Amino acid sequence: MKFFRLISVLEGLSLITLLFIAMPLRTYADMPLAVTYAGWVHGILFIIYGASSLIASHLSGWPVWKWLLVLFLGVVPFGFLYVDHLIRRETAPTSNPETA
């Protein structure tokens, strides 16, 4: 899950970079290569994100709806923050008051 969290954050940051830095540079500063390079990086990271989300869902026993939600959040700006929250909540050690 640590690898999936890392890929999720990297993919989310690449989407933010593409949407809020590279695309305005292409439009307002006439720099089309910014979108080309940021788009390639984002595309590769999204493919890795999709594959690793499938593996993580299988290993964690997620229902299909949860995997689809995580996959959908990969294309939503700032959706990676919620995915990170879900993973941290799922992997956090639970405190059992009966054993304390």
C-alpha atoms as a PDB file:
ATOM      1  CA  MET A   1       0.000   0.000   0.000  1.00  0.00           C
ATOM      2  CA  LYS A   2       2.960   2.347   0.526  1.00  0.00           C
ATOM      3  CA  PHE A   3       3.813   2.063  -3.165  1.00  0.00           C
ATOM      4  CA  PHE A   4       0.218   2.748  -4.166  1.00  0.00           C
ATOM      5  CA  ARG A   5       0.084   5.805  -1.870  1.00  0.00           C
ATOM      6  CA  LEU A   6       3.274   7.130  -3.468  1.00  0.00           C
ATOM      7  CA  ILE A   7       1.984   6.569  -6.999  1.00  0.00           C
ATOM      8  CA  SER A   8      -1.351   8.146  -6.064  1.00  0.00           C
ATOM      9  CA  VAL A   9       0.312  11.313  -4.791  1.00  0.00           C
ATOM     10  CA  LEU A  10       2.710  11.529  -7.753  1.00  0.00           C
ATOM     11  CA  GLU A  11      -0.105  10.998 -10.252  1.00  0.00           C
ATOM     12  CA  GLY A  12      -2.281  13.582  -8.514  1.00  0.00           C
ATOM     13  CA  LEU A  13       0.513  16.141  -8.500  1.00  0.00           C
ATOM     14  CA  SER A  14       1.191  15.481 -12.178  1.00  0.00           C
ATOM     15  CA  LEU A  15      -2.496  16.112 -12.955  1.00  0.00           C
ATOM     16  CA  ILE A  16      -2.416  19.370 -10.989  1.00  0.00           C
ATOM     17  CA  THR A  17       0.776  20.382 -12.821  1.00  0.00           C
ATOM     18  CA  LEU A  18      -0.778  19.565 -16.171  1.00  0.00           C
ATOM     19  CA  LEU A  19      -4.027  21.418 -15.523  1.00  0.00           C
ATOM     20  CA  PHE A  20      -2.840  24.451 -13.601  1.00  0.00           C
ATOM     21  CA  ILE A  21       0.697  25.038 -14.887  1.00  0.00           C
ATOM     22  CA  ALA A  22       1.261  23.409 -18.281  1.00  0.00           C
ATOM     23  CA  MET A  23      -2.090  24.225 -19.885  1.00  0.00           C
ATOM     24  CA  PRO A  24      -1.996  27.925 -18.924  1.00  0.00           C
ATOM     25  CA  LEU A  25       1.584  28.072 -20.221  1.00  0.00           C
ATOM     26  CA  ARG A  26       0.408  26.632 -23.530  1.00  0.00           C
ATOM     27  CA  THR A  27      -2.495  29.051 -23.775  1.00  0.00           C
ATOM     28  CA  TYR A  28      -1.075  32.284 -22.429  1.00  0.00           C
ATOM     29  CA  ALA A  29       2.692  31.965 -22.954  1.00  0.00           C
ATOM     30  CA  ASP A  30       2.608  30.067 -26.276  1.00  0.00           C
ATOM     31  CA  MET A  31       4.588  27.132 -24.853  1.00  0.00           C
ATOM     32  CA  PRO A  32       2.968  23.974 -26.278  1.00  0.00           C
ATOM     33  CA  LEU A  33       5.849  21.746 -25.174  1.00  0.00           C
ATOM     34  CA  ALA A  34       4.855  22.256 -21.551  1.00  0.00           C
ATOM     35  CA  VAL A  35       1.683  20.249 -22.167  1.00  0.00           C
ATOM     36  CA  THR A  36       3.568  17.685 -24.218  1.00  0.00           C
ATOM     37  CA  TYR A  37       6.046  16.864 -21.469  1.00  0.00           C
ATOM     38  CA  ALA A  38       3.621  17.175 -18.557  1.00  0.00           C
ATOM     39  CA  GLY A  39       1.076  15.118 -20.490  1.00  0.00           C
ATOM     40  CA  TRP A  40       3.546  12.307 -21.112  1.00  0.00           C
ATOM     41  CA  VAL A  41       4.564  12.181 -17.468  1.00  0.00           C
ATOM     42  CA  HIS A  42       0.937  12.255 -16.343  1.00  0.00           C
ATOM     43  CA  GLY A  43      -0.056   9.572 -18.848  1.00  0.00           C
ATOM     44  CA  ILE A  44       2.665   7.176 -17.741  1.00  0.00           C
ATOM     45  CA  LEU A  45       1.889   7.801 -14.077  1.00  0.00           C
ATOM     46  CA  PHE A  46      -1.835   7.268 -14.684  1.00  0.00           C
ATOM     47  CA  ILE A  47      -1.192   3.895 -16.324  1.00  0.00           C
ATOM     48  CA  ILE A  48       0.925   2.883 -13.331  1.00  0.00           C
ATOM     49  CA  TYR A  49      -1.779   4.274 -11.005  1.00  0.00           C
ATOM     50  CA  GLY A  50      -4.498   2.225 -12.698  1.00  0.00           C
ATOM     51  CA  ALA A  51      -2.491  -0.991 -12.565  1.00  0.00           C
ATOM     52  CA  SER A  52      -1.380  -0.481  -8.975  1.00  0.00           C
ATOM     53  CA  SER A  53      -4.927   0.412  -7.879  1.00  0.00           C
ATOM     54  CA  LEU A  54      -6.124  -2.901  -9.289  1.00  0.00           C
ATOM     55  CA  ILE A  55      -3.361  -4.771  -7.467  1.00  0.00           C
ATOM     56  CA  ALA A  56      -3.978  -2.862  -4.217  1.00  0.00           C
ATOM     57  CA  SER A  57      -7.716  -3.523  -4.411  1.00  0.00           C
ATOM     58  CA  HIS A  58      -7.117  -7.210  -4.947  1.00  0.00           C
ATOM     59  CA  LEU A  59      -4.616  -7.495  -2.084  1.00  0.00           C
ATOM     60  CA  SER A  60      -6.802  -5.469   0.302  1.00  0.00           C
ATOM     61  CA  GLY A  61     -10.049  -7.191  -0.625  1.00  0.00           C
ATOM     62  CA  TRP A  62     -11.821  -3.998  -1.684  1.00  0.00           C
ATOM     63  CA  PRO A  63     -15.285  -4.316  -3.230  1.00  0.00           C
ATOM     64  CA  VAL A  64     -15.542  -3.340  -6.875  1.00  0.00           C
ATOM     65  CA  TRP A  65     -17.282  -0.034  -6.063  1.00  0.00           C
ATOM     66  CA  LYS A  66     -14.357   1.070  -3.892  1.00  0.00           C
ATOM     67  CA  TRP A  67     -11.840   0.240  -6.624  1.00  0.00           C
ATOM     68  CA  LEU A  68     -13.942   2.148  -9.164  1.00  0.00           C
ATOM     69  CA  LEU A  69     -14.132   5.118  -6.784  1.00  0.00           C
ATOM     70  CA  VAL A  70     -10.350   5.133  -6.352  1.00  0.00           C
ATOM     71  CA  LEU A  71      -9.888   4.845 -10.114  1.00  0.00           C
ATOM     72  CA  PHE A  72     -12.345   7.705 -10.733  1.00  0.00           C
ATOM     73  CA  LEU A  73     -10.601   9.898  -8.157  1.00  0.00           C
ATOM     74  CA  GLY A  74      -7.428   9.500 -10.195  1.00  0.00           C
ATOM     75  CA  VAL A  75      -8.886  11.780 -12.868  1.00  0.00           C
ATOM     76  CA  VAL A  76     -10.391  14.337 -10.482  1.00  0.00           C
ATOM     77  CA  PRO A  77      -8.149  17.256  -9.522  1.00  0.00           C
ATOM     78  CA  PHE A  78      -7.191  16.908  -5.849  1.00  0.00           C
ATOM     79  CA  GLY A  79      -8.938  13.510  -5.739  1.00  0.00           C
ATOM     80  CA  PHE A  80      -5.637  11.945  -4.751  1.00  0.00           C
ATOM     81  CA  LEU A  81      -5.981  13.634  -1.351  1.00  0.00           C
ATOM     82  CA  TYR A  82      -9.131  11.627  -0.606  1.00  0.00           C
ATOM     83  CA  VAL A  83      -7.513   8.434  -1.890  1.00  0.00           C
ATOM     84  CA  ASP A  84      -4.581   9.074   0.433  1.00  0.00           C
ATOM     85  CA  HIS A  85      -7.038   9.598   3.308  1.00  0.00           C
ATOM     86  CA  LEU A  86      -8.786   6.309   2.507  1.00  0.00           C
ATOM     87  CA  ILE A  87      -5.535   4.381   2.426  1.00  0.00           C
ATOM     88  CA  ARG A  88      -4.191   5.956   5.623  1.00  0.00           C
ATOM     89  CA  ARG A  89      -7.466   5.200   7.409  1.00  0.00           C
ATOM     90  CA  GLU A  90      -7.415   1.608   6.165  1.00  0.00           C
ATOM     91  CA  THR A  91      -3.791   0.942   7.097  1.00  0.00           C
ATOM     92  CA  ALA A  92      -3.815   2.795  10.421  1.00  0.00           C
ATOM     93  CA  PRO A  93      -3.359   0.583  13.447  1.00  0.00           C
ATOM     94  CA  THR A  94      -6.599   0.237  15.341  1.00  0.00           C
ATOM     95  CA  SER A  95      -6.600   0.665  19.070  1.00  0.00           C
ATOM     96  CA  ASN A  96      -8.691  -1.879  20.886  1.00  0.00           C
ATOM     97  CA  PRO A  97      -9.790  -0.650  24.332  1.00  0.00           C
ATOM     98  CA  GLU A  98     -10.289  -4.230  25.568  1.00  0.00           C
ATOM     99  CA  THR A  99      -6.584  -5.064  25.201  1.00  0.00           C
ATOM    100  CA  ALA A 100      -5.357  -1.881  26.876  1.00  0.00           C
END
